[in-house]
Amino acid sequence: MPLPTPLYTTAQVRALDRYAIGTLGVPDYTLMKRAGEAALRYLRTRWPTAHNIVIVCGGGNNGGDGYVLARFAQAAGLTATALAASPVDALRGAAQQACQDFRASGGRIQPFAAAHLQAGEVIVDALLGTGLFSAVRAEAAAVIHAMNASGRPVFALDVPSGLDADRGVALGSAVRATGTVCFIALKTGLFVGDGPDFAGNVFFDDLEIAAPATPEFRPRLERITESEVARALPPRARAANKGDFGRVLIVGSGAGMPGATRLAGEACLRVGAGLVTVAVAPDNVAAIACGRPELICHAVTHADDLADALEHADVVAVGPGLGRTGWARAVLERVFACGKPLVVDADALNLLSIAPRRRDDWILTPHPGEAGRLLGSSAQMVQQDRLAALDALLERYGGTVVLKGAGTLIATSGAIPGLCERGNPGMATAGAGDVLTGAIAGILAQCRDPACAARAGVWVHAMAGDSAARNGGERGLIASDIAHELRTWVNR
């Protein structure tokens, strides 16, 4: 089953489970059997030659899913060994029934021991599932460590044990799965924070349950897809001219920092903006003009030198290479007063954190460090709960917020936040954020919708980074490689 776009919290998925049992009348053991059947199907798809399967079963419903999988695997002719990490006589409800049915079918259940893991070509993690909200206890942590150290691929049921299914952080210890099959609805924790590193390849089965269209089941996030670009950048009319695609002004590059606005400006052109001007400290003009002659360069000695450029701009991006000098502060205040739609990045965000304000027509693009400063916190605190940080930024500053990082998040008031799964570690390089700023500004100049521009800009930037990595590898990828690839992804 292809992955759906909506992502849900653990509480929502539990409510959906109760809805299936209580309202739709689906017995809980029926859901468990559907989960076991789906898990076996994806396991055999991912590891088609594996014959010996070891299933590590805990004491809750996740363990019950494991016992069902073990029974179905055995019936399919595989050698399935269940390792009980919790006493089987403590099982209750559907999990108890699953264990009994496995035993009745001739299944083998052994107390967990790390040595038994070596019998499996694939290890199934059915230890904890989503029922964890605090640090993993020592006994379970030892089991998790043994699975991670086994040298065998691990297939997790629903979520890797030990992973916070909402925040995507390890609760002390967590299974590093090669693949994860998620049931009923996709959990946010598989896609945010460190979740993707623990989940591996994500598979999905809804167990024949669909979320009703009620506020209770409004998705917490939605995965951004290529369709966002089509909405932001429809086909062009044959008689179009450059004035139809917006005039962008990029303000930044204090003394000695020409590269940042050059990268942002080039990205802006590459996504199709009609005219792009960079307003920079005077000593940067020659370097930018020589390197990218398509950019219009405007020297700014004093903030008032921006007046004409601001008047003619449709969109203004500010921050790349700006610095935090008196010149930078004066320039930023002039930009904030211009009344034009804004994209705010880099040092403009750092200066904003000192004197916070709120407006509805800007796009803020902080990385975790900048987000921490904007919230009076730290990058570490932001990364511990990226969704909470996103909500806090939107509440405090308004507009549209792009929280950069692995799994970039985009939020606008009243809309379901977006998540971009694309991108790669090679994009953790100087100037990549400047390229993103230019891409978003250039798309905004064409579609005039901040939320739409932010989502499309993040997606094409990530895809451009992936293209650049495919062409030469992640290590050594530079920001101009990303800018060069943007054109491909706005023309698909």
Foldseek 3Di string as FASTA:
>chain_A
DDAFFFAAAPVLLVVLLCCCCPVVVDDPLLLLLLLLVVLLVVVCVVVVPWQEEEEEAAQESLSLSSLSVQQVSVVVVGHYEYAYLDDLVNHDDSSVVSNVVSVVSVHHYHHDDLVVVLRGLEYEYSHAAQPDDAADDPSVQVVLVSQQPVPHAYEYEQAWPQANQAFLDGRNGTHQHLAYEHELGHTNNCQAFVNVRRHRHYHYDNSPGDDDPDPSNDGQATAFDLVLLCLLFPDDDPPDALVLQFEEEEEAAEPPQLPLLLLLQLLLVLLPHSAYEYEYAVVNQVVSCVVDVSYHYQHDPALVSCVVVLVRGQEYEYAGNHDDDPRSVRNLVSVVPSPHQYEYEHVSLVVCLVPPDADARYEYEYELQSLCSNVVHGSVVCSSGVSVSLVVCCVRHNHWYWHDDQFIWIDHPPDNIYTYNAADPLCPAPNLVSSLSSQLRSSCRNRVDNRSSNSNSVRLLRVLRVVLCVVPHSPPDHNVSSSVSSNVSSVD
